[in-house]
Amino acid sequence: MDDIDRACEREQLDTAAAVEAARGHYASNWEVDSATECAGCGASIPEARRELIPGVQLCVECQSAAEAHARQFKKR
């Protein structure tokens, strides 16, 4: 296993942890229905995503952008 393989594996583990954290956050703190359309761009949110993350309001792309923005903000 080389560095790229280890980085990919780490990314997968981090993503899985983030999904679990989001599930717990939305399930325990908010009783909001999952949106069928993204609050950020208006794109359709797939049923599988709505089932995996109760209360989801953003599509994958907008959620990724929001998380990247938050990481940049934390670095300051």
PDB file of N, CA and C in Angstrom:
ATOM      1  N   MET A   1       0.859  -1.169   0.000  1.00  0.00           N
ATOM      2  CA  MET A   1       0.000   0.000   0.000  1.00  0.00           C
ATOM      3  C   MET A   1       0.910   1.237   0.000  1.00  0.00           C
ATOM      4  N   ASP A   2       0.653   2.139  -0.936  1.00  0.00           N
ATOM      5  CA  ASP A   2       1.477   3.347  -1.019  1.00  0.00           C
ATOM      6  C   ASP A   2       0.746   4.537  -0.378  1.00  0.00           C
ATOM      7  N   ASP A   3       1.382   5.706  -0.434  1.00  0.00           N
ATOM      8  CA  ASP A   3       0.827   6.900   0.204  1.00  0.00           C
ATOM      9  C   ASP A   3      -0.535   7.282  -0.357  1.00  0.00           C
ATOM     10  N   ILE A   4      -0.715   7.133  -1.653  1.00  0.00           N
ATOM     11  CA  ILE A   4      -1.998   7.493  -2.273  1.00  0.00           C
ATOM     12  C   ILE A   4      -3.101   6.556  -1.785  1.00  0.00           C
ATOM     13  N   ASP A   5      -2.800   5.273  -1.690  1.00  0.00           N
ATOM     14  CA  ASP A   5      -3.789   4.322  -1.179  1.00  0.00           C
ATOM     15  C   ASP A   5      -4.177   4.657   0.257  1.00  0.00           C
ATOM     16  N   ARG A   6      -3.179   4.982   1.076  1.00  0.00           N
ATOM     17  CA  ARG A   6      -3.460   5.333   2.470  1.00  0.00           C
ATOM     18  C   ARG A   6      -4.287   6.621   2.550  1.00  0.00           C
ATOM     19  N   ALA A   7      -3.985   7.592   1.705  1.00  0.00           N
ATOM     20  CA  ALA A   7      -4.747   8.840   1.693  1.00  0.00           C
ATOM     21  C   ALA A   7      -6.191   8.592   1.272  1.00  0.00           C
ATOM     22  N   CYS A   8      -6.403   7.753   0.272  1.00  0.00           N
ATOM     23  CA  CYS A   8      -7.761   7.416  -0.172  1.00  0.00           C
ATOM     24  C   CYS A   8      -8.535   6.694   0.927  1.00  0.00           C
ATOM     25  N   GLU A   9      -7.869   5.781   1.591  1.00  0.00           N
ATOM     26  CA  GLU A   9      -8.506   5.049   2.686  1.00  0.00           C
ATOM     27  C   GLU A   9      -8.873   6.011   3.817  1.00  0.00           C
ATOM     28  N   ARG A  10      -7.973   6.928   4.149  1.00  0.00           N
ATOM     29  CA  ARG A  10      -8.232   7.919   5.202  1.00  0.00           C
ATOM     30  C   ARG A  10      -9.417   8.800   4.826  1.00  0.00           C
ATOM     31  N   GLU A  11      -9.480   9.201   3.561  1.00  0.00           N
ATOM     32  CA  GLU A  11     -10.583  10.033   3.095  1.00  0.00           C
ATOM     33  C   GLU A  11     -11.914   9.297   3.219  1.00  0.00           C
ATOM     34  N   GLN A  12     -11.919   8.016   2.872  1.00  0.00           N
ATOM     35  CA  GLN A  12     -13.141   7.222   2.988  1.00  0.00           C
ATOM     36  C   GLN A  12     -13.585   7.112   4.445  1.00  0.00           C
ATOM     37  N   LEU A  13     -12.640   6.902   5.343  1.00  0.00           N
ATOM     38  CA  LEU A  13     -12.968   6.810   6.767  1.00  0.00           C
ATOM     39  C   LEU A  13     -13.492   8.147   7.288  1.00  0.00           C
ATOM     40  N   ASP A  14     -12.861   9.235   6.874  1.00  0.00           N
ATOM     41  CA  ASP A  14     -13.310  10.566   7.295  1.00  0.00           C
ATOM     42  C   ASP A  14     -14.712  10.866   6.780  1.00  0.00           C
ATOM     43  N   THR A  15     -14.976  10.487   5.533  1.00  0.00           N
ATOM     44  CA  THR A  15     -16.297  10.713   4.948  1.00  0.00           C
ATOM     45  C   THR A  15     -17.355   9.908   5.693  1.00  0.00           C
ATOM     46  N   ALA A  16     -17.050   8.654   5.982  1.00  0.00           N
ATOM     47  CA  ALA A  16     -17.997   7.814   6.721  1.00  0.00           C
ATOM     48  C   ALA A  16     -18.267   8.391   8.107  1.00  0.00           C
ATOM     49  N   ALA A  17     -17.236   8.894   8.763  1.00  0.00           N
ATOM     50  CA  ALA A  17     -17.407   9.500  10.086  1.00  0.00           C
ATOM     51  C   ALA A  17     -18.258  10.763   9.999  1.00  0.00           C
ATOM     52  N   ALA A  18     -18.047  11.560   8.965  1.00  0.00           N
ATOM     53  CA  ALA A  18     -18.829  12.786   8.792  1.00  0.00           C
ATOM     54  C   ALA A  18     -20.297  12.467   8.539  1.00  0.00           C
ATOM     55  N   VAL A  19     -20.563  11.435   7.752  1.00  0.00           N
ATOM     56  CA  VAL A  19     -21.950  11.030   7.483  1.00  0.00           C
ATOM     57  C   VAL A  19     -22.617  10.577   8.777  1.00  0.00           C
ATOM     58  N   GLU A  20     -21.924   9.789   9.569  1.00  0.00           N
ATOM     59  CA  GLU A  20     -22.480   9.324  10.838  1.00  0.00           C
ATOM     60  C   GLU A  20     -22.736  10.490  11.788  1.00  0.00           C
ATOM     61  N   ALA A  21     -21.815  11.441  11.815  1.00  0.00           N
ATOM     62  CA  ALA A  21     -22.000  12.615  12.678  1.00  0.00           C
ATOM     63  C   ALA A  21     -23.212  13.422  12.225  1.00  0.00           C
ATOM     64  N   ALA A  22     -23.367  13.580  10.912  1.00  0.00           N
ATOM     65  CA  ALA A  22     -24.513  14.320  10.381  1.00  0.00           C
ATOM     66  C   ALA A  22     -25.816  13.599  10.696  1.00  0.00           C
ATOM     67  N   ARG A  23     -25.815  12.298  10.562  1.00  0.00           N
ATOM     68  CA  ARG A  23     -27.018  11.529  10.895  1.00  0.00           C
ATOM     69  C   ARG A  23     -27.409  11.758  12.342  1.00  0.00           C
ATOM     70  N   GLY A  24     -26.441  11.662  13.213  1.00  0.00           N
ATOM     71  CA  GLY A  24     -26.709  11.843  14.633  1.00  0.00           C
ATOM     72  C   GLY A  24     -27.171  13.249  14.944  1.00  0.00           C
ATOM     73  N   HIS A  25     -26.546  14.235  14.331  1.00  0.00           N
ATOM     74  CA  HIS A  25     -26.914  15.630  14.572  1.00  0.00           C
ATOM     75  C   HIS A  25     -28.350  15.897  14.145  1.00  0.00           C
ATOM     76  N   TYR A  26     -28.676  15.512  12.940  1.00  0.00           N
ATOM     77  CA  TYR A  26     -30.015  15.788  12.439  1.00  0.00           C
ATOM     78  C   TYR A  26     -31.070  14.950  13.154  1.00  0.00           C
ATOM     79  N   ALA A  27     -30.750  13.721  13.438  1.00  0.00           N
ATOM     80  CA  ALA A  27     -31.736  12.851  14.073  1.00  0.00           C
ATOM     81  C   ALA A  27     -32.012  13.275  15.508  1.00  0.00           C
ATOM     82  N   SER A  28     -30.981  13.718  16.231  1.00  0.00           N
ATOM     83  CA  SER A  28     -31.182  14.028  17.636  1.00  0.00           C
ATOM     84  C   SER A  28     -31.570  15.483  17.894  1.00  0.00           C
ATOM     85  N   ASN A  29     -31.149  16.394  17.037  1.00  0.00           N
ATOM     86  CA  ASN A  29     -31.364  17.810  17.316  1.00  0.00           C
ATOM     87  C   ASN A  29     -32.491  18.446  16.520  1.00  0.00           C
ATOM     88  N   TRP A  30     -32.793  17.940  15.358  1.00  0.00           N
ATOM     89  CA  TRP A  30     -33.767  18.585  14.501  1.00  0.00           C
ATOM     90  C   TRP A  30     -34.789  17.576  14.027  1.00  0.00           C
ATOM     91  N   GLU A  31     -35.994  18.003  14.038  1.00  0.00           N
ATOM     92  CA  GLU A  31     -37.054  17.183  13.463  1.00  0.00           C
ATOM     93  C   GLU A  31     -37.523  17.871  12.184  1.00  0.00           C
ATOM     94  N   VAL A  32     -36.615  17.994  11.232  1.00  0.00           N
ATOM     95  CA  VAL A  32     -36.889  18.682   9.976  1.00  0.00           C
ATOM     96  C   VAL A  32     -36.981  17.650   8.868  1.00  0.00           C
ATOM     97  N   ASP A  33     -37.977  17.778   8.029  1.00  0.00           N
ATOM     98  CA  ASP A  33     -38.080  16.877   6.885  1.00  0.00           C
ATOM     99  C   ASP A  33     -36.934  17.149   5.918  1.00  0.00           C
ATOM    100  N   SER A  34     -36.458  16.103   5.287  1.00  0.00           N
ATOM    101  CA  SER A  34     -35.436  16.262   4.255  1.00  0.00           C
ATOM    102  C   SER A  34     -36.041  16.994   3.060  1.00  0.00           C
ATOM    103  N   ALA A  35     -35.260  17.883   2.496  1.00  0.00           N
ATOM    104  CA  ALA A  35     -35.718  18.634   1.329  1.00  0.00           C
ATOM    105  C   ALA A  35     -35.595  17.770   0.081  1.00  0.00           C
ATOM    106  N   THR A  36     -36.479  17.971  -0.860  1.00  0.00           N
ATOM    107  CA  THR A  36     -36.378  17.274  -2.145  1.00  0.00           C
ATOM    108  C   THR A  36     -35.536  18.076  -3.119  1.00  0.00           C
ATOM    109  N   GLU A  37     -35.412  19.392  -2.847  1.00  0.00           N
ATOM    110  CA  GLU A  37     -34.567  20.270  -3.665  1.00  0.00           C
ATOM    111  C   GLU A  37     -33.550  20.959  -2.768  1.00  0.00           C
ATOM    112  N   CYS A  38     -32.346  21.118  -3.271  1.00  0.00           N
ATOM    113  CA  CYS A  38     -31.255  21.744  -2.531  1.00  0.00           C
ATOM    114  C   CYS A  38     -31.572  23.206  -2.210  1.00  0.00           C
ATOM    115  N   ALA A  39     -31.350  23.580  -0.952  1.00  0.00           N
ATOM    116  CA  ALA A  39     -31.562  24.960  -0.530  1.00  0.00           C
ATOM    117  C   ALA A  39     -30.505  25.895  -1.118  1.00  0.00           C
ATOM    118  N   GLY A  40     -29.391  25.331  -1.578  1.00  0.00           N
ATOM    119  CA  GLY A  40     -28.327  26.149  -2.130  1.00  0.00           C
ATOM    120  C   GLY A  40     -28.470  26.428  -3.608  1.00  0.00           C
ATOM    121  N   CYS A  41     -28.748  25.382  -4.379  1.00  0.00           N
ATOM    122  CA  CYS A  41     -28.750  25.545  -5.839  1.00  0.00           C
ATOM    123  C   CYS A  41     -30.055  25.131  -6.505  1.00  0.00           C
ATOM    124  N   GLY A  42     -30.942  24.500  -5.769  1.00  0.00           N
ATOM    125  CA  GLY A  42     -32.225  24.091  -6.332  1.00  0.00           C
ATOM    126  C   GLY A  42     -32.215  22.736  -7.027  1.00  0.00           C
ATOM    127  N   ALA A  43     -31.048  22.073  -7.047  1.00  0.00           N
ATOM    128  CA  ALA A  43     -30.964  20.747  -7.683  1.00  0.00           C
ATOM    129  C   ALA A  43     -31.755  19.726  -6.861  1.00  0.00           C
ATOM    130  N   SER A  44     -32.182  18.681  -7.513  1.00  0.00           N
ATOM    131  CA  SER A  44     -32.901  17.606  -6.853  1.00  0.00           C
ATOM    132  C   SER A  44     -31.958  16.841  -5.915  1.00  0.00           C
ATOM    133  N   ILE A  45     -32.434  16.535  -4.708  1.00  0.00           N
ATOM    134  CA  ILE A  45     -31.663  15.736  -3.759  1.00  0.00           C
ATOM    135  C   ILE A  45     -32.150  14.296  -3.890  1.00  0.00           C
ATOM    136  N   PRO A  46     -31.255  13.363  -4.220  1.00  0.00           N
ATOM    137  CA  PRO A  46     -31.666  11.973  -4.423  1.00  0.00           C
ATOM    138  C   PRO A  46     -32.298  11.357  -3.165  1.00  0.00           C
ATOM    139  N   GLU A  47     -33.247  10.480  -3.381  1.00  0.00           N
ATOM    140  CA  GLU A  47     -33.945   9.798  -2.291  1.00  0.00           C
ATOM    141  C   GLU A  47     -32.966   9.103  -1.349  1.00  0.00           C
ATOM    142  N   ALA A  48     -31.944   8.466  -1.898  1.00  0.00           N
ATOM    143  CA  ALA A  48     -30.976   7.753  -1.056  1.00  0.00           C
ATOM    144  C   ALA A  48     -30.302   8.718  -0.080  1.00  0.00           C
ATOM    145  N   ARG A  49     -29.957   9.911  -0.537  1.00  0.00           N
ATOM    146  CA  ARG A  49     -29.334  10.908   0.348  1.00  0.00           C
ATOM    147  C   ARG A  49     -30.322  11.361   1.420  1.00  0.00           C
ATOM    148  N   ARG A  50     -31.578  11.559   1.040  1.00  0.00           N
ATOM    149  CA  ARG A  50     -32.597  11.983   2.009  1.00  0.00           C
ATOM    150  C   ARG A  50     -32.831  10.925   3.072  1.00  0.00           C
ATOM    151  N   GLU A  51     -32.715   9.666   2.697  1.00  0.00           N
ATOM    152  CA  GLU A  51     -32.898   8.586   3.667  1.00  0.00           C
ATOM    153  C   GLU A  51     -31.683   8.443   4.578  1.00  0.00           C
ATOM    154  N   LEU A  52     -30.488   8.626   4.015  1.00  0.00           N
ATOM    155  CA  LEU A  52     -29.267   8.475   4.804  1.00  0.00           C
ATOM    156  C   LEU A  52     -29.067   9.590   5.814  1.00  0.00           C
ATOM    157  N   ILE A  53     -29.482  10.796   5.446  1.00  0.00           N
ATOM    158  CA  ILE A  53     -29.255  11.952   6.313  1.00  0.00           C
ATOM    159  C   ILE A  53     -30.595  12.637   6.563  1.00  0.00           C
ATOM    160  N   PRO A  54     -31.286  12.238   7.627  1.00  0.00           N
ATOM    161  CA  PRO A  54     -32.576  12.858   7.924  1.00  0.00           C
ATOM    162  C   PRO A  54     -32.434  14.369   8.085  1.00  0.00           C
ATOM    163  N   GLY A  55     -33.312  15.108   7.459  1.00  0.00           N
ATOM    164  CA  GLY A  55     -33.288  16.556   7.555  1.00  0.00           C
ATOM    165  C   GLY A  55     -32.334  17.245   6.594  1.00  0.00           C
ATOM    166  N   VAL A  56     -31.750  16.491   5.688  1.00  0.00           N
ATOM    167  CA  VAL A  56     -30.775  17.078   4.749  1.00  0.00           C
ATOM    168  C   VAL A  56     -31.437  18.194   3.941  1.00  0.00           C
ATOM    169  N   GLN A  57     -30.682  19.268   3.738  1.00  0.00           N
ATOM    170  CA  GLN A  57     -31.198  20.426   3.014  1.00  0.00           C
ATOM    171  C   GLN A  57     -30.357  20.789   1.799  1.00  0.00           C
ATOM    172  N   LEU A  58     -29.150  20.201   1.701  1.00  0.00           N
ATOM    173  CA  LEU A  58     -28.232  20.538   0.610  1.00  0.00           C
ATOM    174  C   LEU A  58     -27.862  19.304  -0.197  1.00  0.00           C
ATOM    175  N   CYS A  59     -27.608  19.514  -1.494  1.00  0.00           N
ATOM    176  CA  CYS A  59     -27.099  18.442  -2.339  1.00  0.00           C
ATOM    177  C   CYS A  59     -25.628  18.192  -1.970  1.00  0.00           C
ATOM    178  N   VAL A  60     -25.057  17.144  -2.488  1.00  0.00           N
ATOM    179  CA  VAL A  60     -23.677  16.787  -2.169  1.00  0.00           C
ATOM    180  C   VAL A  60     -22.724  17.926  -2.522  1.00  0.00           C
ATOM    181  N   GLU A  61     -22.896  18.517  -3.685  1.00  0.00           N
ATOM    182  CA  GLU A  61     -21.998  19.574  -4.130  1.00  0.00           C
ATOM    183  C   GLU A  61     -22.059  20.791  -3.211  1.00  0.00           C
ATOM    184  N   CYS A  62     -23.261  21.224  -2.870  1.00  0.00           N
ATOM    185  CA  CYS A  62     -23.406  22.391  -1.993  1.00  0.00           C
ATOM    186  C   CYS A  62     -22.932  22.080  -0.576  1.00  0.00           C
ATOM    187  N   GLN A  63     -23.188  20.865  -0.096  1.00  0.00           N
ATOM    188  CA  GLN A  63     -22.715  20.473   1.228  1.00  0.00           C
ATOM    189  C   GLN A  63     -21.195  20.464   1.260  1.00  0.00           C
ATOM    190  N   SER A  64     -20.580  19.931   0.211  1.00  0.00           N
ATOM    191  CA  SER A  64     -19.113  19.910   0.128  1.00  0.00           C
ATOM    192  C   SER A  64     -18.552  21.321   0.118  1.00  0.00           C
ATOM    193  N   ALA A  65     -19.185  22.208  -0.644  1.00  0.00           N
ATOM    194  CA  ALA A  65     -18.730  23.596  -0.704  1.00  0.00           C
ATOM    195  C   ALA A  65     -18.881  24.273   0.657  1.00  0.00           C
ATOM    196  N   ALA A  66     -19.978  24.014   1.341  1.00  0.00           N
ATOM    197  CA  ALA A  66     -20.198  24.605   2.665  1.00  0.00           C
ATOM    198  C   ALA A  66     -19.157  24.110   3.663  1.00  0.00           C
ATOM    199  N   GLU A  67     -18.845  22.814   3.598  1.00  0.00           N
ATOM    200  CA  GLU A  67     -17.840  22.260   4.507  1.00  0.00           C
ATOM    201  C   GLU A  67     -16.453  22.804   4.196  1.00  0.00           C
ATOM    202  N   ALA A  68     -16.134  22.966   2.914  1.00  0.00           N
ATOM    203  CA  ALA A  68     -14.838  23.533   2.529  1.00  0.00           C
ATOM    204  C   ALA A  68     -14.738  24.977   3.019  1.00  0.00           C
ATOM    205  N   HIS A  69     -15.825  25.723   2.880  1.00  0.00           N
ATOM    206  CA  HIS A  69     -15.847  27.104   3.353  1.00  0.00           C
ATOM    207  C   HIS A  69     -15.646  27.137   4.875  1.00  0.00           C
ATOM    208  N   ALA A  70     -16.305  26.241   5.592  1.00  0.00           N
ATOM    209  CA  ALA A  70     -16.163  26.190   7.048  1.00  0.00           C
ATOM    210  C   ALA A  70     -14.730  25.852   7.454  1.00  0.00           C
ATOM    211  N   ARG A  71     -14.089  24.946   6.714  1.00  0.00           N
ATOM    212  CA  ARG A  71     -12.695  24.594   7.020  1.00  0.00           C
ATOM    213  C   ARG A  71     -11.779  25.793   6.796  1.00  0.00           C
ATOM    214  N   GLN A  72     -12.016  26.545   5.737  1.00  0.00           N
ATOM    215  CA  GLN A  72     -11.227  27.740   5.468  1.00  0.00           C
ATOM    216  C   GLN A  72     -11.424  28.782   6.565  1.00  0.00           C
ATOM    217  N   PHE A  73     -12.656  28.910   7.012  1.00  0.00           N
ATOM    218  CA  PHE A  73     -12.971  29.877   8.055  1.00  0.00           C
ATOM    219  C   PHE A  73     -12.275  29.504   9.362  1.00  0.00           C
ATOM    220  N   LYS A  74     -12.227  28.210   9.685  1.00  0.00           N
ATOM    221  CA  LYS A  74     -11.582  27.744  10.914  1.00  0.00           C
ATOM    222  C   LYS A  74     -10.080  27.974  10.898  1.00  0.00           C
ATOM    223  N   LYS A  75      -9.469  27.975   9.721  1.00  0.00           N
ATOM    224  CA  LYS A  75      -8.021  28.159   9.610  1.00  0.00           C
ATOM    225  C   LYS A  75      -7.609  29.583   9.939  1.00  0.00           C
ATOM    226  N   ARG A  76      -8.517  30.521   9.846  1.00  0.00           N
ATOM    227  CA  ARG A  76      -8.174  31.932  10.070  1.00  0.00           C
ATOM    228  C   ARG A  76      -8.007  32.249  11.512  1.00  0.00           C
TER     229      ARG A  76
END
